[in-house]
């Protein structure tokens, strides 16, 4: 829910972030009804919409953040490492890249 609200906030502002977060509230109830054809069709449609929203957020975040060569190199390296090293947690990459970013800003 935090991720949905954060992406909603970045892309379209606070009110729509609240709406995006509210869409997550009924999620636990979908498991009980998940095999029903109508519910399955609805969830499939919502999934496609979520993929589109996340893709849009990625584009928007990239536009705002990939503004210089070090940022682009960090992004490309991170994507490559995540692709090759699937078992390593993403959080470790976030921490490492945050440190690298701080070093580049204050040391470089």
PDB file of N, CA and C in Angstrom:
ATOM      1  N   UNK A   1       0.833  -1.185   0.000  1.00  0.00           N
ATOM      2  CA  UNK A   1       0.000   0.000   0.000  1.00  0.00           C
ATOM      3  C   UNK A   1       0.876   1.246   0.000  1.00  0.00           C
ATOM      4  N   UNK A   2       1.979   1.199   0.711  1.00  0.00           N
ATOM      5  CA  UNK A   2       2.876   2.350   0.763  1.00  0.00           C
ATOM      6  C   UNK A   2       3.414   2.665  -0.626  1.00  0.00           C
ATOM      7  N   UNK A   3       3.794   1.631  -1.353  1.00  0.00           N
ATOM      8  CA  UNK A   3       4.336   1.830  -2.700  1.00  0.00           C
ATOM      9  C   UNK A   3       3.288   2.442  -3.618  1.00  0.00           C
ATOM     10  N   UNK A   4       2.075   1.933  -3.552  1.00  0.00           N
ATOM     11  CA  UNK A   4       1.001   2.450  -4.403  1.00  0.00           C
ATOM     12  C   UNK A   4       0.747   3.924  -4.091  1.00  0.00           C
ATOM     13  N   UNK A   5       0.693   4.261  -2.825  1.00  0.00           N
ATOM     14  CA  UNK A   5       0.447   5.652  -2.438  1.00  0.00           C
ATOM     15  C   UNK A   5       1.617   6.543  -2.867  1.00  0.00           C
ATOM     16  N   UNK A   6       2.842   6.062  -2.692  1.00  0.00           N
ATOM     17  CA  UNK A   6       4.015   6.856  -3.060  1.00  0.00           C
ATOM     18  C   UNK A   6       4.052   7.129  -4.556  1.00  0.00           C
ATOM     19  N   UNK A   7       3.819   6.100  -5.343  1.00  0.00           N
ATOM     20  CA  UNK A   7       3.827   6.278  -6.794  1.00  0.00           C
ATOM     21  C   UNK A   7       2.684   7.200  -7.217  1.00  0.00           C
ATOM     22  N   UNK A   8       1.518   7.011  -6.623  1.00  0.00           N
ATOM     23  CA  UNK A   8       0.395   7.903  -6.919  1.00  0.00           C
ATOM     24  C   UNK A   8       0.716   9.348  -6.584  1.00  0.00           C
ATOM     25  N   UNK A   9       1.389   9.560  -5.465  1.00  0.00           N
ATOM     26  CA  UNK A   9       1.763  10.921  -5.070  1.00  0.00           C
ATOM     27  C   UNK A   9       2.755  11.531  -6.059  1.00  0.00           C
ATOM     28  N   UNK A  10       3.766  10.759  -6.443  1.00  0.00           N
ATOM     29  CA  UNK A  10       4.775  11.287  -7.361  1.00  0.00           C
ATOM     30  C   UNK A  10       4.202  11.614  -8.727  1.00  0.00           C
ATOM     31  N   UNK A  11       3.281  10.780  -9.180  1.00  0.00           N
ATOM     32  CA  UNK A  11       2.769  10.955 -10.536  1.00  0.00           C
ATOM     33  C   UNK A  11       1.674  12.018 -10.595  1.00  0.00           C
ATOM     34  N   UNK A  12       0.721  11.997  -9.657  1.00  0.00           N
ATOM     35  CA  UNK A  12      -0.430  12.895  -9.793  1.00  0.00           C
ATOM     36  C   UNK A  12      -0.802  13.657  -8.528  1.00  0.00           C
ATOM     37  N   UNK A  13      -0.018  13.591  -7.477  1.00  0.00           N
ATOM     38  CA  UNK A  13      -0.276  14.406  -6.300  1.00  0.00           C
ATOM     39  C   UNK A  13      -0.986  13.690  -5.170  1.00  0.00           C
ATOM     40  N   UNK A  14      -1.155  14.403  -4.065  1.00  0.00           N
ATOM     41  CA  UNK A  14      -1.663  13.822  -2.828  1.00  0.00           C
ATOM     42  C   UNK A  14      -3.085  13.247  -2.919  1.00  0.00           C
ATOM     43  N   UNK A  15      -4.069  13.971  -3.466  1.00  0.00           N
ATOM     44  CA  UNK A  15      -5.430  13.408  -3.492  1.00  0.00           C
ATOM     45  C   UNK A  15      -5.505  12.069  -4.227  1.00  0.00           C
ATOM     46  N   UNK A  16      -4.832  11.980  -5.358  1.00  0.00           N
ATOM     47  CA  UNK A  16      -4.866  10.729  -6.105  1.00  0.00           C
ATOM     48  C   UNK A  16      -4.030   9.644  -5.440  1.00  0.00           C
ATOM     49  N   UNK A  17      -3.034  10.023  -4.659  1.00  0.00           N
ATOM     50  CA  UNK A  17      -2.274   9.042  -3.885  1.00  0.00           C
ATOM     51  C   UNK A  17      -3.196   8.385  -2.860  1.00  0.00           C
ATOM     52  N   UNK A  18      -4.072   9.181  -2.262  1.00  0.00           N
ATOM     53  CA  UNK A  18      -5.038   8.629  -1.298  1.00  0.00           C
ATOM     54  C   UNK A  18      -5.985   7.648  -1.977  1.00  0.00           C
ATOM     55  N   UNK A  19      -6.462   8.002  -3.152  1.00  0.00           N
ATOM     56  CA  UNK A  19      -7.354   7.108  -3.901  1.00  0.00           C
ATOM     57  C   UNK A  19      -6.620   5.817  -4.255  1.00  0.00           C
ATOM     58  N   UNK A  20      -5.368   5.933  -4.693  1.00  0.00           N
ATOM     59  CA  UNK A  20      -4.583   4.750  -5.044  1.00  0.00           C
ATOM     60  C   UNK A  20      -4.404   3.851  -3.830  1.00  0.00           C
ATOM     61  N   UNK A  21      -4.147   4.433  -2.676  1.00  0.00           N
ATOM     62  CA  UNK A  21      -3.972   3.636  -1.461  1.00  0.00           C
ATOM     63  C   UNK A  21      -5.275   2.944  -1.064  1.00  0.00           C
ATOM     64  N   UNK A  22      -6.390   3.625  -1.237  1.00  0.00           N
ATOM     65  CA  UNK A  22      -7.690   3.044  -0.887  1.00  0.00           C
ATOM     66  C   UNK A  22      -8.023   1.822  -1.747  1.00  0.00           C
ATOM     67  N   UNK A  23      -7.504   1.775  -2.959  1.00  0.00           N
ATOM     68  CA  UNK A  23      -7.791   0.629  -3.820  1.00  0.00           C
ATOM     69  C   UNK A  23      -7.168  -0.650  -3.280  1.00  0.00           C
ATOM     70  N   UNK A  24      -6.220  -0.524  -2.364  1.00  0.00           N
ATOM     71  CA  UNK A  24      -5.569  -1.704  -1.789  1.00  0.00           C
ATOM     72  C   UNK A  24      -6.351  -2.299  -0.620  1.00  0.00           C
ATOM     73  N   UNK A  25      -7.276  -1.568  -0.048  1.00  0.00           N
ATOM     74  CA  UNK A  25      -7.993  -2.046   1.133  1.00  0.00           C
ATOM     75  C   UNK A  25      -8.780  -3.341   0.912  1.00  0.00           C
ATOM     76  N   UNK A  26      -9.480  -3.509  -0.208  1.00  0.00           N
ATOM     77  CA  UNK A  26     -10.244  -4.757  -0.361  1.00  0.00           C
ATOM     78  C   UNK A  26      -9.394  -5.955  -0.823  1.00  0.00           C
ATOM     79  N   UNK A  27      -8.107  -5.782  -0.997  1.00  0.00           N
ATOM     80  CA  UNK A  27      -7.257  -6.852  -1.537  1.00  0.00           C
ATOM     81  C   UNK A  27      -7.373  -8.178  -0.778  1.00  0.00           C
ATOM     82  N   UNK A  28      -7.399  -8.196   0.563  1.00  0.00           N
ATOM     83  CA  UNK A  28      -7.500  -9.487   1.258  1.00  0.00           C
ATOM     84  C   UNK A  28      -8.782 -10.256   0.935  1.00  0.00           C
ATOM     85  N   UNK A  29      -9.836  -9.551   0.591  1.00  0.00           N
ATOM     86  CA  UNK A  29     -11.108 -10.208   0.299  1.00  0.00           C
ATOM     87  C   UNK A  29     -11.126 -10.864  -1.073  1.00  0.00           C
ATOM     88  N   UNK A  30     -10.235 -10.443  -1.958  1.00  0.00           N
ATOM     89  CA  UNK A  30     -10.181 -11.034  -3.293  1.00  0.00           C
ATOM     90  C   UNK A  30      -9.746 -12.495  -3.253  1.00  0.00           C
ATOM     91  N   UNK A  31      -8.952 -12.877  -2.259  1.00  0.00           N
ATOM     92  CA  UNK A  31      -8.493 -14.270  -2.198  1.00  0.00           C
ATOM     93  C   UNK A  31      -9.669 -15.227  -2.036  1.00  0.00           C
ATOM     94  N   UNK A  32     -10.634 -14.846  -1.226  1.00  0.00           N
ATOM     95  CA  UNK A  32     -11.777 -15.720  -0.985  1.00  0.00           C
ATOM     96  C   UNK A  32     -12.613 -15.898  -2.249  1.00  0.00           C
ATOM     97  N   UNK A  33     -12.724 -14.848  -3.021  1.00  0.00           N
ATOM     98  CA  UNK A  33     -13.559 -14.878  -4.217  1.00  0.00           C
ATOM     99  C   UNK A  33     -12.739 -15.028  -5.495  1.00  0.00           C
ATOM    100  N   UNK A  34     -11.457 -15.277  -5.376  1.00  0.00           N
ATOM    101  CA  UNK A  34     -10.535 -15.259  -6.500  1.00  0.00           C
ATOM    102  C   UNK A  34     -10.837 -16.223  -7.630  1.00  0.00           C
ATOM    103  N   UNK A  35     -11.535 -17.313  -7.352  1.00  0.00           N
ATOM    104  CA  UNK A  35     -11.812 -18.293  -8.412  1.00  0.00           C
ATOM    105  C   UNK A  35     -13.095 -17.991  -9.180  1.00  0.00           C
ATOM    106  N   UNK A  36     -13.870 -17.055  -8.704  1.00  0.00           N
ATOM    107  CA  UNK A  36     -15.104 -16.685  -9.391  1.00  0.00           C
ATOM    108  C   UNK A  36     -14.734 -15.978 -10.703  1.00  0.00           C
ATOM    109  N   UNK A  37     -15.327 -16.397 -11.838  1.00  0.00           N
ATOM    110  CA  UNK A  37     -14.934 -15.847 -13.144  1.00  0.00           C
ATOM    111  C   UNK A  37     -15.054 -14.323 -13.249  1.00  0.00           C
ATOM    112  N   UNK A  38     -16.089 -13.746 -12.678  1.00  0.00           N
ATOM    113  CA  UNK A  38     -16.251 -12.285 -12.754  1.00  0.00           C
ATOM    114  C   UNK A  38     -15.165 -11.570 -11.957  1.00  0.00           C
ATOM    115  N   UNK A  39     -14.877 -12.093 -10.785  1.00  0.00           N
ATOM    116  CA  UNK A  39     -13.846 -11.482  -9.952  1.00  0.00           C
ATOM    117  C   UNK A  39     -12.484 -11.660 -10.607  1.00  0.00           C
ATOM    118  N   UNK A  40     -12.251 -12.844 -11.178  1.00  0.00           N
ATOM    119  CA  UNK A  40     -10.975 -13.099 -11.860  1.00  0.00           C
ATOM    120  C   UNK A  40     -10.783 -12.133 -13.028  1.00  0.00           C
ATOM    121  N   UNK A  41     -11.823 -11.888 -13.803  1.00  0.00           N
ATOM    122  CA  UNK A  41     -11.739 -10.952 -14.916  1.00  0.00           C
ATOM    123  C   UNK A  41     -11.449  -9.534 -14.408  1.00  0.00           C
ATOM    124  N   UNK A  42     -12.104  -9.150 -13.315  1.00  0.00           N
ATOM    125  CA  UNK A  42     -11.868  -7.833 -12.719  1.00  0.00           C
ATOM    126  C   UNK A  42     -10.418  -7.701 -12.259  1.00  0.00           C
ATOM    127  N   UNK A  43      -9.926  -8.714 -11.549  1.00  0.00           N
ATOM    128  CA  UNK A  43      -8.554  -8.676 -11.039  1.00  0.00           C
ATOM    129  C   UNK A  43      -7.553  -8.650 -12.194  1.00  0.00           C
ATOM    130  N   UNK A  44      -7.830  -9.405 -13.253  1.00  0.00           N
ATOM    131  CA  UNK A  44      -6.948  -9.368 -14.426  1.00  0.00           C
ATOM    132  C   UNK A  44      -6.888  -7.958 -15.015  1.00  0.00           C
ATOM    133  N   UNK A  45      -8.037  -7.303 -15.090  1.00  0.00           N
ATOM    134  CA  UNK A  45      -8.066  -5.931 -15.615  1.00  0.00           C
ATOM    135  C   UNK A  45      -7.333  -4.956 -14.710  1.00  0.00           C
ATOM    136  N   UNK A  46      -7.525  -5.103 -13.413  1.00  0.00           N
ATOM    137  CA  UNK A  46      -6.833  -4.238 -12.456  1.00  0.00           C
ATOM    138  C   UNK A  46      -5.325  -4.467 -12.525  1.00  0.00           C
ATOM    139  N   UNK A  47      -4.925  -5.720 -12.719  1.00  0.00           N
ATOM    140  CA  UNK A  47      -3.499  -6.036 -12.823  1.00  0.00           C
ATOM    141  C   UNK A  47      -2.876  -5.339 -14.021  1.00  0.00           C
ATOM    142  N   UNK A  48      -3.553  -5.384 -15.145  1.00  0.00           N
ATOM    143  CA  UNK A  48      -3.045  -4.710 -16.338  1.00  0.00           C
ATOM    144  C   UNK A  48      -2.967  -3.205 -16.091  1.00  0.00           C
ATOM    145  N   UNK A  49      -3.984  -2.642 -15.448  1.00  0.00           N
ATOM    146  CA  UNK A  49      -3.963  -1.214 -15.142  1.00  0.00           C
ATOM    147  C   UNK A  49      -2.811  -0.882 -14.198  1.00  0.00           C
ATOM    148  N   UNK A  50      -2.552  -1.742 -13.221  1.00  0.00           N
ATOM    149  CA  UNK A  50      -1.447  -1.510 -12.285  1.00  0.00           C
ATOM    150  C   UNK A  50      -0.102  -1.539 -12.998  1.00  0.00           C
ATOM    151  N   UNK A  51       0.062  -2.476 -13.920  1.00  0.00           N
ATOM    152  CA  UNK A  51       1.307  -2.540 -14.692  1.00  0.00           C
ATOM    153  C   UNK A  51       1.495  -1.241 -15.470  1.00  0.00           C
ATOM    154  N   UNK A  52       0.431  -0.752 -16.070  1.00  0.00           N
ATOM    155  CA  UNK A  52       0.512   0.517 -16.803  1.00  0.00           C
ATOM    156  C   UNK A  52       0.848   1.684 -15.889  1.00  0.00           C
ATOM    157  N   UNK A  53       0.237   1.712 -14.703  1.00  0.00           N
ATOM    158  CA  UNK A  53       0.515   2.795 -13.750  1.00  0.00           C
ATOM    159  C   UNK A  53       1.958   2.747 -13.271  1.00  0.00           C
ATOM    160  N   UNK A  54       2.446   1.551 -13.004  1.00  0.00           N
ATOM    161  CA  UNK A  54       3.833   1.417 -12.561  1.00  0.00           C
ATOM    162  C   UNK A  54       4.788   1.811 -13.681  1.00  0.00           C
ATOM    163  N   UNK A  55       4.490   1.396 -14.899  1.00  0.00           N
ATOM    164  CA  UNK A  55       5.331   1.782 -16.041  1.00  0.00           C
ATOM    165  C   UNK A  55       5.343   3.302 -16.202  1.00  0.00           C
ATOM    166  N   UNK A  56       4.189   3.926 -16.050  1.00  0.00           N
ATOM    167  CA  UNK A  56       4.123   5.383 -16.128  1.00  0.00           C
ATOM    168  C   UNK A  56       4.935   6.047 -15.026  1.00  0.00           C
ATOM    169  N   UNK A  57       4.866   5.483 -13.823  1.00  0.00           N
ATOM    170  CA  UNK A  57       5.644   6.028 -12.707  1.00  0.00           C
ATOM    171  C   UNK A  57       7.136   5.872 -12.959  1.00  0.00           C
ATOM    172  N   UNK A  58       7.533   4.745 -13.523  1.00  0.00           N
ATOM    173  CA  UNK A  58       8.950   4.522 -13.840  1.00  0.00           C
ATOM    174  C   UNK A  58       9.428   5.573 -14.838  1.00  0.00           C
ATOM    175  N   UNK A  59       8.633   5.825 -15.854  1.00  0.00           N
ATOM    176  CA  UNK A  59       9.013   6.825 -16.858  1.00  0.00           C
ATOM    177  C   UNK A  59       9.134   8.206 -16.208  1.00  0.00           C
ATOM    178  N   UNK A  60       8.165   8.554 -15.380  1.00  0.00           N
ATOM    179  CA  UNK A  60       8.185   9.865 -14.721  1.00  0.00           C
ATOM    180  C   UNK A  60       9.375   9.993 -13.770  1.00  0.00           C
ATOM    181  N   UNK A  61       9.632   8.963 -12.980  1.00  0.00           N
ATOM    182  CA  UNK A  61      10.778   9.002 -12.072  1.00  0.00           C
ATOM    183  C   UNK A  61      12.091   9.072 -12.844  1.00  0.00           C
ATOM    184  N   UNK A  62      12.185   8.323 -13.927  1.00  0.00           N
ATOM    185  CA  UNK A  62      13.403   8.351 -14.743  1.00  0.00           C
ATOM    186  C   UNK A  62      13.613   9.741 -15.333  1.00  0.00           C
ATOM    187  N   UNK A  63      12.546  10.362 -15.805  1.00  0.00           N
ATOM    188  CA  UNK A  63      12.659  11.708 -16.371  1.00  0.00           C
ATOM    189  C   UNK A  63      13.193  12.704 -15.349  1.00  0.00           C
ATOM    190  N   UNK A  64      12.772  12.529 -14.102  1.00  0.00           N
ATOM    191  CA  UNK A  64      13.177  13.471 -13.054  1.00  0.00           C
ATOM    192  C   UNK A  64      14.569  13.171 -12.505  1.00  0.00           C
ATOM    193  N   UNK A  65      14.970  11.902 -12.499  1.00  0.00           N
ATOM    194  CA  UNK A  65      16.193  11.529 -11.793  1.00  0.00           C
ATOM    195  C   UNK A  65      17.396  11.251 -12.688  1.00  0.00           C
ATOM    196  N   UNK A  66      17.182  10.807 -13.886  1.00  0.00           N
ATOM    197  CA  UNK A  66      18.304  10.459 -14.761  1.00  0.00           C
ATOM    198  C   UNK A  66      18.754  11.704 -15.520  1.00  0.00           C
ATOM    199  N   UNK A  67      19.388  12.598 -14.767  1.00  0.00           N
ATOM    200  CA  UNK A  67      19.712  13.915 -15.319  1.00  0.00           C
ATOM    201  C   UNK A  67      21.200  14.100 -15.597  1.00  0.00           C
ATOM    202  N   UNK A  68      22.021  13.126 -15.199  1.00  0.00           N
ATOM    203  CA  UNK A  68      23.452  13.241 -15.472  1.00  0.00           C
ATOM    204  C   UNK A  68      24.044  11.842 -15.682  1.00  0.00           C
ATOM    205  N   UNK A  69      25.283  11.798 -16.112  1.00  0.00           N
ATOM    206  CA  UNK A  69      25.916  10.524 -16.454  1.00  0.00           C
ATOM    207  C   UNK A  69      26.040   9.592 -15.245  1.00  0.00           C
ATOM    208  N   UNK A  70      26.473  10.062 -14.050  1.00  0.00           N
ATOM    209  CA  UNK A  70      26.537   9.139 -12.911  1.00  0.00           C
ATOM    210  C   UNK A  70      25.181   8.509 -12.577  1.00  0.00           C
ATOM    211  N   UNK A  71      24.114   9.292 -12.642  1.00  0.00           N
ATOM    212  CA  UNK A  71      22.783   8.755 -12.342  1.00  0.00           C
ATOM    213  C   UNK A  71      22.384   7.693 -13.354  1.00  0.00           C
ATOM    214  N   UNK A  72      22.660   7.935 -14.616  1.00  0.00           N
ATOM    215  CA  UNK A  72      22.339   6.963 -15.664  1.00  0.00           C
ATOM    216  C   UNK A  72      23.170   5.688 -15.475  1.00  0.00           C
ATOM    217  N   UNK A  73      24.448   5.846 -15.160  1.00  0.00           N
ATOM    218  CA  UNK A  73      25.313   4.673 -14.946  1.00  0.00           C
ATOM    219  C   UNK A  73      24.865   3.861 -13.731  1.00  0.00           C
ATOM    220  N   UNK A  74      24.472   4.536 -12.657  1.00  0.00           N
ATOM    221  CA  UNK A  74      23.961   3.833 -11.478  1.00  0.00           C
ATOM    222  C   UNK A  74      22.696   3.066 -11.832  1.00  0.00           C
ATOM    223  N   UNK A  75      21.796   3.687 -12.572  1.00  0.00           N
ATOM    224  CA  UNK A  75      20.545   3.029 -12.953  1.00  0.00           C
ATOM    225  C   UNK A  75      20.801   1.804 -13.826  1.00  0.00           C
ATOM    226  N   UNK A  76      21.652   1.954 -14.821  1.00  0.00           N
ATOM    227  CA  UNK A  76      21.950   0.832 -15.724  1.00  0.00           C
ATOM    228  C   UNK A  76      22.626  -0.301 -14.966  1.00  0.00           C
ATOM    229  N   UNK A  77      23.580   0.028 -14.112  1.00  0.00           N
ATOM    230  CA  UNK A  77      24.281  -0.991 -13.327  1.00  0.00           C
ATOM    231  C   UNK A  77      23.325  -1.712 -12.385  1.00  0.00           C
ATOM    232  N   UNK A  78      22.444  -0.973 -11.745  1.00  0.00           N
ATOM    233  CA  UNK A  78      21.482  -1.579 -10.819  1.00  0.00           C
ATOM    234  C   UNK A  78      20.537  -2.529 -11.545  1.00  0.00           C
ATOM    235  N   UNK A  79      20.011  -2.101 -12.683  1.00  0.00           N
ATOM    236  CA  UNK A  79      19.121  -2.970 -13.462  1.00  0.00           C
ATOM    237  C   UNK A  79      19.858  -4.237 -13.883  1.00  0.00           C
ATOM    238  N   UNK A  80      21.082  -4.078 -14.334  1.00  0.00           N
ATOM    239  CA  UNK A  80      21.874  -5.241 -14.753  1.00  0.00           C
ATOM    240  C   UNK A  80      22.122  -6.189 -13.585  1.00  0.00           C
ATOM    241  N   UNK A  81      22.490  -5.667 -12.434  1.00  0.00           N
ATOM    242  CA  UNK A  81      22.734  -6.524 -11.263  1.00  0.00           C
ATOM    243  C   UNK A  81      21.458  -7.214 -10.798  1.00  0.00           C
ATOM    244  N   UNK A  82      20.357  -6.485 -10.783  1.00  0.00           N
ATOM    245  CA  UNK A  82      19.089  -7.106 -10.382  1.00  0.00           C
ATOM    246  C   UNK A  82      18.682  -8.202 -11.354  1.00  0.00           C
ATOM    247  N   UNK A  83      18.982  -8.008 -12.622  1.00  0.00           N
ATOM    248  CA  UNK A  83      18.650  -9.023 -13.622  1.00  0.00           C
ATOM    249  C   UNK A  83      19.523 -10.267 -13.449  1.00  0.00           C
ATOM    250  N   UNK A  84      20.806 -10.073 -13.207  1.00  0.00           N
ATOM    251  CA  UNK A  84      21.735 -11.204 -13.106  1.00  0.00           C
ATOM    252  C   UNK A  84      21.696 -11.890 -11.748  1.00  0.00           C
ATOM    253  N   UNK A  85      21.517 -11.131 -10.679  1.00  0.00           N
ATOM    254  CA  UNK A  85      21.568 -11.664  -9.313  1.00  0.00           C
ATOM    255  C   UNK A  85      20.176 -11.656  -8.703  1.00  0.00           C
ATOM    256  N   UNK A  86      19.326 -12.515  -9.177  1.00  0.00           N
ATOM    257  CA  UNK A  86      17.905 -12.501  -8.805  1.00  0.00           C
ATOM    258  C   UNK A  86      17.661 -12.811  -7.326  1.00  0.00           C
ATOM    259  N   UNK A  87      18.573 -13.494  -6.665  1.00  0.00           N
ATOM    260  CA  UNK A  87      18.326 -13.905  -5.282  1.00  0.00           C
ATOM    261  C   UNK A  87      18.722 -12.850  -4.256  1.00  0.00           C
ATOM    262  N   UNK A  88      19.427 -11.825  -4.673  1.00  0.00           N
ATOM    263  CA  UNK A  88      19.810 -10.777  -3.729  1.00  0.00           C
ATOM    264  C   UNK A  88      18.639  -9.813  -3.538  1.00  0.00           C
ATOM    265  N   UNK A  89      18.407  -9.402  -2.293  1.00  0.00           N
ATOM    266  CA  UNK A  89      17.267  -8.515  -2.026  1.00  0.00           C
ATOM    267  C   UNK A  89      17.468  -7.118  -2.619  1.00  0.00           C
ATOM    268  N   UNK A  90      16.388  -6.562  -3.136  1.00  0.00           N
ATOM    269  CA  UNK A  90      16.437  -5.237  -3.734  1.00  0.00           C
ATOM    270  C   UNK A  90      16.838  -4.170  -2.724  1.00  0.00           C
ATOM    271  N   UNK A  91      16.460  -4.376  -1.474  1.00  0.00           N
ATOM    272  CA  UNK A  91      16.773  -3.398  -0.437  1.00  0.00           C
ATOM    273  C   UNK A  91      18.275  -3.195  -0.283  1.00  0.00           C
ATOM    274  N   UNK A  92      19.041  -4.258  -0.461  1.00  0.00           N
ATOM    275  CA  UNK A  92      20.496  -4.111  -0.370  1.00  0.00           C
ATOM    276  C   UNK A  92      21.012  -3.215  -1.496  1.00  0.00           C
ATOM    277  N   UNK A  93      20.461  -3.361  -2.686  1.00  0.00           N
ATOM    278  CA  UNK A  93      20.851  -2.500  -3.799  1.00  0.00           C
ATOM    279  C   UNK A  93      20.491  -1.042  -3.514  1.00  0.00           C
ATOM    280  N   UNK A  94      19.331  -0.833  -2.943  1.00  0.00           N
ATOM    281  CA  UNK A  94      18.905   0.533  -2.637  1.00  0.00           C
ATOM    282  C   UNK A  94      19.883   1.176  -1.666  1.00  0.00           C
ATOM    283  N   UNK A  95      20.275   0.440  -0.627  1.00  0.00           N
ATOM    284  CA  UNK A  95      21.229   0.971   0.349  1.00  0.00           C
ATOM    285  C   UNK A  95      22.588   1.261  -0.269  1.00  0.00           C
ATOM    286  N   UNK A  96      23.085   0.332  -1.063  1.00  0.00           N
ATOM    287  CA  UNK A  96      24.394   0.510  -1.697  1.00  0.00           C
ATOM    288  C   UNK A  96      24.372   1.701  -2.649  1.00  0.00           C
ATOM    289  N   UNK A  97      23.353   1.782  -3.465  1.00  0.00           N
ATOM    290  CA  UNK A  97      23.264   2.874  -4.434  1.00  0.00           C
ATOM    291  C   UNK A  97      23.064   4.210  -3.729  1.00  0.00           C
ATOM    292  N   UNK A  98      22.345   4.224  -2.613  1.00  0.00           N
ATOM    293  CA  UNK A  98      22.185   5.466  -1.850  1.00  0.00           C
ATOM    294  C   UNK A  98      23.542   5.956  -1.347  1.00  0.00           C
ATOM    295  N   UNK A  99      24.345   5.049  -0.834  1.00  0.00           N
ATOM    296  CA  UNK A  99      25.686   5.419  -0.377  1.00  0.00           C
ATOM    297  C   UNK A  99      26.532   5.929  -1.537  1.00  0.00           C
ATOM    298  N   UNK A 100      26.487   5.235  -2.659  1.00  0.00           N
ATOM    299  CA  UNK A 100      27.241   5.670  -3.858  1.00  0.00           C
ATOM    300  C   UNK A 100      26.790   7.071  -4.280  1.00  0.00           C
ATOM    301  N   UNK A 101      25.481   7.292  -4.300  1.00  0.00           N
ATOM    302  CA  UNK A 101      24.960   8.609  -4.667  1.00  0.00           C
ATOM    303  C   UNK A 101      25.446   9.701  -3.733  1.00  0.00           C
ATOM    304  N   UNK A 102      25.441   9.412  -2.419  1.00  0.00           N
ATOM    305  CA  UNK A 102      25.946  10.405  -1.458  1.00  0.00           C
ATOM    306  C   UNK A 102      27.432  10.669  -1.649  1.00  0.00           C
ATOM    307  N   UNK A 103      28.192   9.603  -1.887  1.00  0.00           N
ATOM    308  CA  UNK A 103      29.629   9.772  -2.138  1.00  0.00           C
ATOM    309  C   UNK A 103      29.878  10.622  -3.374  1.00  0.00           C
ATOM    310  N   UNK A 104      29.124  10.359  -4.428  1.00  0.00           N
ATOM    311  CA  UNK A 104      29.298  11.141  -5.653  1.00  0.00           C
ATOM    312  C   UNK A 104      28.940  12.613  -5.438  1.00  0.00           C
ATOM    313  N   UNK A 105      27.951  12.841  -4.613  1.00  0.00           N
ATOM    314  CA  UNK A 105      27.512  14.221  -4.384  1.00  0.00           C
ATOM    315  C   UNK A 105      28.497  15.001  -3.507  1.00  0.00           C
ATOM    316  N   UNK A 106      28.975  14.364  -2.440  1.00  0.00           N
ATOM    317  CA  UNK A 106      29.778  15.107  -1.471  1.00  0.00           C
ATOM    318  C   UNK A 106      31.285  14.919  -1.634  1.00  0.00           C
ATOM    319  N   UNK A 107      31.720  13.847  -2.268  1.00  0.00           N
ATOM    320  CA  UNK A 107      33.148  13.620  -2.444  1.00  0.00           C
ATOM    321  C   UNK A 107      33.580  14.042  -3.842  1.00  0.00           C
ATOM    322  N   UNK A 108      32.729  13.732  -4.837  1.00  0.00           N
ATOM    323  CA  UNK A 108      33.094  13.998  -6.227  1.00  0.00           C
ATOM    324  C   UNK A 108      32.841  15.354  -6.603  1.00  0.00           C
TER     325      UNK A 108
END
